[in-house]
Amino acid sequence: MKQKGKQKKLRRSKLKVVDMSACSFCSENISKGTGVLFAKKDGTLFYFCSSKCKKNQELGREGRRQKWTKASQLFKEREKKKAAKAG
């Protein structure tokens, strides 16, 4: 009977797994079942959290250059660290 209890616990833990990916433009987390997956002809996959991110990508903009994105904030932090090490 102890073995059956262990098996039930394993099954429950598998249900709690949530598959999350990051937006290709702004680096925000996208929970499973939301967002848009865009596949190019060459097989490149892009994940977008919103139509705003998808449209900006289509216009050729870079996420790290847009102030409202999380990618921009991460990029600026890295640049500050590099400047601090060099200076």
Protein backbone atom coordinates (compact mmCIF):
# COMPACT_ATOMS: atom_id res chain seq x y z
CA MET A 1 0.00 0.00 0.00
CA LYS A 2 2.88 2.38 0.56
CA GLN A 3 3.89 2.05 -3.08
CA LYS A 4 0.48 3.21 -4.29
CA GLY A 5 0.74 6.36 -2.19
CA LYS A 6 4.11 7.19 -3.75
CA GLN A 7 2.72 6.74 -7.25
CA LYS A 8 -0.14 9.12 -6.54
CA LYS A 9 2.29 11.78 -5.33
CA LEU A 10 4.31 11.47 -8.52
CA ARG A 11 1.23 11.91 -10.66
CA ARG A 12 0.19 15.03 -8.78
CA SER A 13 3.61 16.62 -9.13
CA LYS A 14 3.55 16.12 -12.91
CA LEU A 15 0.32 18.09 -13.17
CA LYS A 16 1.90 21.15 -11.56
CA VAL A 17 4.52 21.55 -14.30
CA VAL A 18 3.87 24.73 -16.28
CA ASP A 19 5.65 25.18 -19.59
CA MET A 20 6.77 28.79 -20.02
CA SER A 21 8.73 30.43 -22.79
CA ALA A 22 10.02 33.96 -23.28
CA CYS A 23 8.77 36.48 -25.81
CA SER A 24 11.25 36.83 -28.68
CA PHE A 25 10.86 40.62 -28.70
CA CYS A 26 10.45 41.84 -25.12
CA SER A 27 11.69 38.79 -23.10
CA GLU A 28 8.53 38.59 -20.95
CA ASN A 29 7.43 35.15 -19.77
CA ILE A 30 4.58 33.58 -21.74
CA SER A 31 2.45 31.00 -19.96
CA LYS A 32 1.24 27.94 -21.80
CA GLY A 33 -1.87 28.52 -23.94
CA THR A 34 -1.28 32.24 -24.51
CA GLY A 35 0.66 34.27 -27.04
CA VAL A 36 1.50 33.60 -30.67
CA LEU A 37 4.05 31.25 -32.21
CA PHE A 38 5.39 32.50 -35.56
CA ALA A 39 7.44 30.18 -37.77
CA LYS A 40 9.49 31.50 -40.67
CA LYS A 41 10.09 29.51 -43.85
CA ASP A 42 13.65 28.73 -42.78
CA GLY A 43 12.38 27.07 -39.58
CA THR A 44 13.13 29.91 -37.14
CA LEU A 45 10.57 30.10 -34.33
CA PHE A 46 9.44 33.35 -32.71
CA TYR A 47 7.25 33.51 -29.60
CA PHE A 48 5.25 36.71 -29.03
CA CYS A 49 3.30 37.65 -25.90
CA SER A 50 1.16 40.27 -27.68
CA SER A 51 0.30 41.71 -31.07
CA LYS A 52 2.31 44.80 -30.09
CA CYS A 53 5.49 42.72 -29.92
CA LYS A 54 4.70 40.90 -33.16
CA LYS A 55 4.08 44.13 -35.08
CA ASN A 56 7.26 45.74 -33.77
CA GLN A 57 9.28 42.69 -34.85
CA GLU A 58 7.71 42.83 -38.33
CA LEU A 59 8.71 46.50 -38.59
CA GLY A 60 12.32 45.49 -38.01
CA ARG A 61 12.70 46.99 -34.56
CA GLU A 62 14.93 45.49 -31.89
CA GLY A 63 13.46 44.77 -28.47
CA ARG A 64 16.54 45.87 -26.60
CA ARG A 65 16.23 49.36 -28.12
CA GLN A 66 12.63 49.93 -26.99
CA LYS A 67 12.36 51.47 -23.51
CA TRP A 68 9.19 49.60 -22.52
CA THR A 69 10.66 46.09 -22.93
CA LYS A 70 12.23 43.90 -20.30
CA ALA A 71 14.99 43.12 -22.82
CA SER A 72 15.91 46.82 -22.85
CA GLN A 73 16.24 46.93 -19.08
CA LEU A 74 18.45 43.82 -19.07
CA PHE A 75 20.60 45.27 -21.88
CA LYS A 76 21.11 48.54 -19.97
CA GLU A 77 22.12 46.67 -16.79
CA ARG A 78 24.73 44.67 -18.71
CA GLU A 79 26.13 47.84 -20.28
CA LYS A 80 26.43 49.49 -16.85
CA LYS A 81 28.33 46.48 -15.50
CA LYS A 82 30.72 46.54 -18.47
CA ALA A 83 31.30 50.27 -17.99
CA ALA A 84 31.97 49.79 -14.27
CA LYS A 85 34.56 47.07 -14.96
CA ALA A 86 36.29 49.12 -17.64
CA GLY A 87 36.21 52.42 -15.72
